[in-house]
């Protein structure tokens, strides 16, 4: 898996999800707290990814670094440390209480 291209980073895409080496989802850099509908949509996508991680290996390229996710625990660790950047946006609180 290659690092994110500079074009993707310049476009504001900071997270790309790969399943079976195919890009399946891209997350833009946005301010979730200013956009409640974006937050809810993103929460739903993240929930689906967490569920999928229980049965499928997922690779997520975040800020040019590839993370291999092969369990809900790995997903929650990525969500908290990388996606939220250890800032309590609420995604991990809602999705990962069972992973502690």
Protein backbone atom coordinates (compact mmCIF):
# COMPACT_ATOMS: atom_id res chain seq x y z
CA UNK A 1 0.00 0.00 0.00
CA UNK A 2 1.36 3.38 -0.94
CA UNK A 3 1.23 6.59 1.01
CA UNK A 4 -1.44 9.13 0.16
CA UNK A 5 -0.61 11.22 -2.83
CA UNK A 6 0.12 14.90 -2.40
CA UNK A 7 -2.95 15.62 -4.53
CA UNK A 8 -5.20 13.86 -2.00
CA UNK A 9 -3.63 15.75 0.90
CA UNK A 10 -3.98 19.04 -0.95
CA UNK A 11 -7.66 18.27 -1.60
CA UNK A 12 -8.21 17.90 2.14
CA UNK A 13 -8.52 14.12 2.07
CA UNK A 14 -6.71 12.91 5.14
CA UNK A 15 -8.08 9.37 5.60
CA UNK A 16 -8.58 6.75 2.89
CA UNK A 17 -10.06 3.33 3.63
CA UNK A 18 -8.87 0.33 1.62
CA UNK A 19 -10.63 -3.03 1.57
CA UNK A 20 -9.07 -5.74 -0.62
CA UNK A 21 -6.59 -3.08 -1.89
CA UNK A 22 -9.42 -0.96 -3.31
CA UNK A 23 -10.20 2.55 -2.07
CA UNK A 24 -13.68 2.36 -0.62
CA UNK A 25 -14.03 5.57 1.35
CA UNK A 26 -12.33 8.93 1.77
CA UNK A 27 -12.71 11.27 4.72
CA UNK A 28 -12.08 14.96 4.30
CA UNK A 29 -10.63 17.21 6.96
CA UNK A 30 -13.66 19.05 8.36
CA UNK A 31 -14.67 20.66 11.61
CA UNK A 32 -17.30 18.23 12.89
CA UNK A 33 -18.62 20.42 15.68
CA UNK A 34 -19.77 23.05 13.16
CA UNK A 35 -21.64 20.57 10.98
CA UNK A 36 -24.04 18.32 12.93
CA UNK A 37 -25.26 16.42 9.85
CA UNK A 38 -21.68 15.75 8.76
CA UNK A 39 -20.95 14.44 12.23
CA UNK A 40 -23.93 12.06 12.14
CA UNK A 41 -23.10 10.81 8.64
CA UNK A 42 -19.48 10.26 9.59
CA UNK A 43 -20.54 8.48 12.79
CA UNK A 44 -22.63 6.07 10.71
CA UNK A 45 -19.73 5.39 8.30
CA UNK A 46 -17.35 4.81 11.20
CA UNK A 47 -19.84 2.45 12.84
CA UNK A 48 -19.98 0.41 9.62
CA UNK A 49 -16.18 0.29 9.48
CA UNK A 50 -15.96 -0.88 13.08
CA UNK A 51 -18.45 -3.68 12.38
CA UNK A 52 -16.58 -4.63 9.21
CA UNK A 53 -13.26 -4.76 11.08
CA UNK A 54 -14.54 -7.78 13.03
CA UNK A 55 -14.55 -9.91 9.87
CA UNK A 56 -12.39 -8.15 7.27
CA UNK A 57 -8.86 -6.75 7.29
CA UNK A 58 -8.96 -3.04 6.55
CA UNK A 59 -6.12 -0.68 5.74
CA UNK A 60 -6.58 3.00 6.50
CA UNK A 61 -4.14 5.58 5.20
CA UNK A 62 -4.23 8.60 7.51
CA UNK A 63 -2.06 11.62 6.87
CA UNK A 64 0.10 9.44 4.63
CA UNK A 65 0.62 6.62 7.16
CA UNK A 66 -1.01 3.21 6.63
CA UNK A 67 -2.71 1.51 9.59
CA UNK A 68 -3.73 -2.15 9.34
CA UNK A 69 -7.00 -2.72 11.15
CA UNK A 70 -7.98 -6.34 11.78
CA UNK A 71 -10.24 -6.10 14.82
CA UNK A 72 -12.69 -3.71 16.48
CA UNK A 73 -10.04 -3.02 19.15
CA UNK A 74 -7.53 -1.94 16.48
CA UNK A 75 -10.24 0.19 14.89
CA UNK A 76 -11.04 1.92 18.19
CA UNK A 77 -7.36 2.59 18.82
CA UNK A 78 -7.02 4.18 15.35
CA UNK A 79 -10.26 6.13 15.83
CA UNK A 80 -9.16 7.61 19.16
CA UNK A 81 -5.48 8.24 18.48
CA UNK A 82 -5.44 9.10 14.78
CA UNK A 83 -8.90 10.09 13.53
CA UNK A 84 -9.79 12.14 16.59
CA UNK A 85 -6.17 12.90 17.46
CA UNK A 86 -6.90 12.27 21.15
CA UNK A 87 -9.45 15.11 21.11
CA UNK A 88 -12.87 14.17 22.46
CA UNK A 89 -14.98 14.82 19.36
CA UNK A 90 -17.40 12.09 20.43
CA UNK A 91 -16.86 9.41 17.81
CA UNK A 92 -14.86 7.05 20.03
CA UNK A 93 -17.11 7.73 23.02
CA UNK A 94 -20.15 6.59 21.04
CA UNK A 95 -18.52 3.71 19.17
CA UNK A 96 -15.82 2.28 21.39
CA UNK A 97 -17.14 1.97 24.93
CA UNK A 98 -17.09 -1.83 24.50
CA UNK A 99 -13.40 -1.83 23.47
CA UNK A 100 -11.98 -0.51 26.74
